[in-house]
Amino acid sequence: MSNKLIGSFQINGNSFQLGDTLSITGLVSKKDSQPIGGAAILSFNKDNSLVFMYTISIESGSLSYSK
């Protein structure tokens, strides 16, 4: 039995300015390709300091964040 996960994520850019929208989408599954459900924590850091943390839902292996 393994608790390892596999994820594939897409982001809509490499750098952002104040007022830009950041969008992240992704798929998360178990090693046997079974989609998972649960939560993910996104953390944004600058100069090794936490700037923002947000929890998002994962439903049937899919996650989506836009802000």
N, C-alpha and C. Protein backbone atom coordinates (compact mmCIF):
# COMPACT_ATOMS: atom_id res chain seq x y z
N MET A 1 0.85 -1.18 0.00
CA MET A 1 0.00 0.00 0.00
C MET A 1 0.89 1.23 0.00
N SER A 2 0.58 2.17 -0.88
CA SER A 2 1.38 3.39 -0.98
C SER A 2 0.47 4.60 -0.88
N ASN A 3 0.96 5.66 -0.25
CA ASN A 3 0.18 6.89 -0.16
C ASN A 3 0.76 7.97 -1.07
N LYS A 4 1.59 7.59 -2.04
CA LYS A 4 2.19 8.56 -2.96
C LYS A 4 1.15 9.04 -3.96
N LEU A 5 1.26 10.31 -4.31
CA LEU A 5 0.35 10.92 -5.26
C LEU A 5 1.12 11.40 -6.48
N ILE A 6 0.40 11.47 -7.60
CA ILE A 6 0.96 11.98 -8.84
C ILE A 6 0.12 13.19 -9.23
N GLY A 7 0.78 14.29 -9.58
CA GLY A 7 0.06 15.50 -9.94
C GLY A 7 0.57 16.11 -11.22
N SER A 8 -0.35 16.72 -11.94
CA SER A 8 -0.03 17.46 -13.16
C SER A 8 -0.74 18.81 -13.03
N PHE A 9 0.01 19.90 -13.16
CA PHE A 9 -0.54 21.23 -12.91
C PHE A 9 -0.22 22.18 -14.05
N GLN A 10 -1.13 23.11 -14.29
CA GLN A 10 -0.94 24.15 -15.29
C GLN A 10 -1.14 25.50 -14.61
N ILE A 11 -0.33 26.47 -15.01
CA ILE A 11 -0.43 27.83 -14.48
C ILE A 11 -0.45 28.78 -15.67
N ASN A 12 -1.18 29.86 -15.57
CA ASN A 12 -1.39 30.75 -16.71
C ASN A 12 -0.28 31.76 -16.96
N GLY A 13 0.86 31.63 -16.30
CA GLY A 13 1.97 32.56 -16.55
C GLY A 13 3.15 32.25 -15.67
N ASN A 14 4.22 33.03 -15.87
CA ASN A 14 5.44 32.85 -15.07
C ASN A 14 5.69 33.99 -14.11
N SER A 15 5.16 35.16 -14.42
CA SER A 15 5.29 36.30 -13.52
C SER A 15 4.00 37.10 -13.58
N PHE A 16 3.71 37.79 -12.49
CA PHE A 16 2.44 38.48 -12.37
C PHE A 16 2.64 39.85 -11.75
N GLN A 17 1.81 40.78 -12.14
CA GLN A 17 1.80 42.13 -11.60
C GLN A 17 0.54 42.30 -10.75
N LEU A 18 0.54 43.28 -9.89
CA LEU A 18 -0.62 43.58 -9.08
C LEU A 18 -1.84 43.77 -9.99
N GLY A 19 -2.92 43.08 -9.69
CA GLY A 19 -4.13 43.16 -10.49
C GLY A 19 -4.27 42.03 -11.50
N ASP A 20 -3.18 41.30 -11.80
CA ASP A 20 -3.26 40.16 -12.70
C ASP A 20 -3.99 39.00 -12.03
N THR A 21 -4.58 38.13 -12.83
CA THR A 21 -5.24 36.94 -12.32
C THR A 21 -4.32 35.74 -12.44
N LEU A 22 -4.14 35.04 -11.35
CA LEU A 22 -3.37 33.80 -11.33
C LEU A 22 -4.37 32.65 -11.38
N SER A 23 -4.19 31.75 -12.36
CA SER A 23 -5.05 30.57 -12.47
C SER A 23 -4.19 29.32 -12.44
N ILE A 24 -4.57 28.38 -11.58
CA ILE A 24 -3.89 27.10 -11.48
C ILE A 24 -4.94 26.01 -11.62
N THR A 25 -4.70 25.06 -12.51
CA THR A 25 -5.57 23.89 -12.64
C THR A 25 -4.68 22.66 -12.55
N GLY A 26 -5.28 21.55 -12.17
CA GLY A 26 -4.49 20.35 -12.08
C GLY A 26 -5.29 19.10 -11.88
N LEU A 27 -4.60 17.99 -12.03
CA LEU A 27 -5.15 16.66 -11.80
C LEU A 27 -4.25 15.95 -10.80
N VAL A 28 -4.86 15.29 -9.81
CA VAL A 28 -4.11 14.58 -8.78
C VAL A 28 -4.69 13.18 -8.65
N SER A 29 -3.80 12.19 -8.67
CA SER A 29 -4.26 10.80 -8.56
C SER A 29 -3.29 10.01 -7.69
N LYS A 30 -3.76 8.84 -7.29
CA LYS A 30 -2.88 7.91 -6.60
C LYS A 30 -1.94 7.30 -7.64
N LYS A 31 -0.93 6.60 -7.17
CA LYS A 31 0.05 6.01 -8.07
C LYS A 31 -0.61 5.02 -9.05
N ASP A 32 -1.75 4.43 -8.65
CA ASP A 32 -2.45 3.49 -9.53
C ASP A 32 -3.44 4.20 -10.47
N SER A 33 -3.31 5.52 -10.61
CA SER A 33 -4.13 6.38 -11.49
C SER A 33 -5.54 6.63 -10.99
N GLN A 34 -5.88 6.21 -9.79
CA GLN A 34 -7.20 6.48 -9.21
C GLN A 34 -7.25 7.93 -8.74
N PRO A 35 -8.23 8.72 -9.27
CA PRO A 35 -8.35 10.12 -8.84
C PRO A 35 -8.63 10.22 -7.34
N ILE A 36 -8.16 11.27 -6.73
CA ILE A 36 -8.37 11.44 -5.29
C ILE A 36 -9.36 12.57 -5.03
N GLY A 37 -9.82 12.63 -3.82
CA GLY A 37 -10.64 13.73 -3.33
C GLY A 37 -10.02 14.22 -2.03
N GLY A 38 -10.22 15.47 -1.72
CA GLY A 38 -9.65 16.00 -0.49
C GLY A 38 -9.37 17.48 -0.61
N ALA A 39 -8.24 17.88 -0.08
CA ALA A 39 -7.87 19.30 -0.08
C ALA A 39 -6.39 19.45 -0.39
N ALA A 40 -6.05 20.61 -0.94
CA ALA A 40 -4.66 20.96 -1.20
C ALA A 40 -4.41 22.33 -0.58
N ILE A 41 -3.22 22.55 -0.12
CA ILE A 41 -2.84 23.85 0.44
C ILE A 41 -1.86 24.50 -0.52
N LEU A 42 -2.24 25.68 -1.00
CA LEU A 42 -1.35 26.48 -1.84
C LEU A 42 -0.66 27.49 -0.93
N SER A 43 0.65 27.57 -1.02
CA SER A 43 1.36 28.59 -0.25
C SER A 43 2.23 29.39 -1.19
N PHE A 44 2.22 30.68 -1.00
CA PHE A 44 2.98 31.60 -1.83
C PHE A 44 4.04 32.26 -0.95
N ASN A 45 5.28 32.16 -1.39
CA ASN A 45 6.40 32.67 -0.62
C ASN A 45 7.17 33.71 -1.41
N LYS A 46 7.76 34.65 -0.70
CA LYS A 46 8.67 35.62 -1.30
C LYS A 46 9.84 35.78 -0.35
N ASP A 47 11.04 35.60 -0.88
CA ASP A 47 12.26 35.70 -0.07
C ASP A 47 12.19 34.80 1.16
N ASN A 48 11.73 33.57 0.97
CA ASN A 48 11.63 32.56 2.03
C ASN A 48 10.64 32.92 3.14
N SER A 49 9.74 33.86 2.87
CA SER A 49 8.72 34.22 3.85
C SER A 49 7.34 33.95 3.27
N LEU A 50 6.47 33.36 4.08
CA LEU A 50 5.10 33.08 3.64
C LEU A 50 4.35 34.38 3.42
N VAL A 51 3.78 34.54 2.24
CA VAL A 51 3.01 35.73 1.91
C VAL A 51 1.51 35.44 1.98
N PHE A 52 1.11 34.25 1.52
CA PHE A 52 -0.31 33.93 1.43
C PHE A 52 -0.47 32.42 1.43
N MET A 53 -1.52 31.92 2.09
CA MET A 53 -1.83 30.50 2.11
C MET A 53 -3.32 30.34 1.86
N TYR A 54 -3.68 29.35 1.03
CA TYR A 54 -5.07 29.14 0.66
C TYR A 54 -5.33 27.65 0.53
N THR A 55 -6.46 27.17 1.01
CA THR A 55 -6.85 25.77 0.90
C THR A 55 -7.90 25.64 -0.20
N ILE A 56 -7.69 24.67 -1.10
CA ILE A 56 -8.65 24.42 -2.18
C ILE A 56 -9.09 22.96 -2.15
N SER A 57 -10.27 22.71 -2.68
CA SER A 57 -10.82 21.36 -2.74
C SER A 57 -10.30 20.61 -3.96
N ILE A 58 -10.12 19.32 -3.79
CA ILE A 58 -9.82 18.42 -4.90
C ILE A 58 -11.01 17.47 -5.00
N GLU A 59 -11.69 17.50 -6.14
CA GLU A 59 -12.87 16.66 -6.35
C GLU A 59 -12.65 15.79 -7.58
N SER A 60 -12.77 14.49 -7.40
CA SER A 60 -12.54 13.52 -8.49
C SER A 60 -11.21 13.76 -9.19
N GLY A 61 -10.21 14.14 -8.42
CA GLY A 61 -8.87 14.34 -8.95
C GLY A 61 -8.60 15.71 -9.52
N SER A 62 -9.62 16.57 -9.63
CA SER A 62 -9.44 17.88 -10.25
C SER A 62 -9.34 18.99 -9.22
N LEU A 63 -8.45 19.94 -9.47
CA LEU A 63 -8.38 21.13 -8.64
C LEU A 63 -8.31 22.36 -9.53
N SER A 64 -8.82 23.46 -9.00
CA SER A 64 -8.82 24.70 -9.76
C SER A 64 -8.74 25.86 -8.78
N TYR A 65 -7.89 26.83 -9.10
CA TYR A 65 -7.72 28.03 -8.29
C TYR A 65 -7.58 29.21 -9.23
N SER A 66 -8.29 30.29 -8.94
CA SER A 66 -8.16 31.51 -9.72
C SER A 66 -8.39 32.69 -8.80
N LYS A 67 -7.47 33.62 -8.80
CA LYS A 67 -7.57 34.79 -7.93
C LYS A 67 -6.82 35.95 -8.54
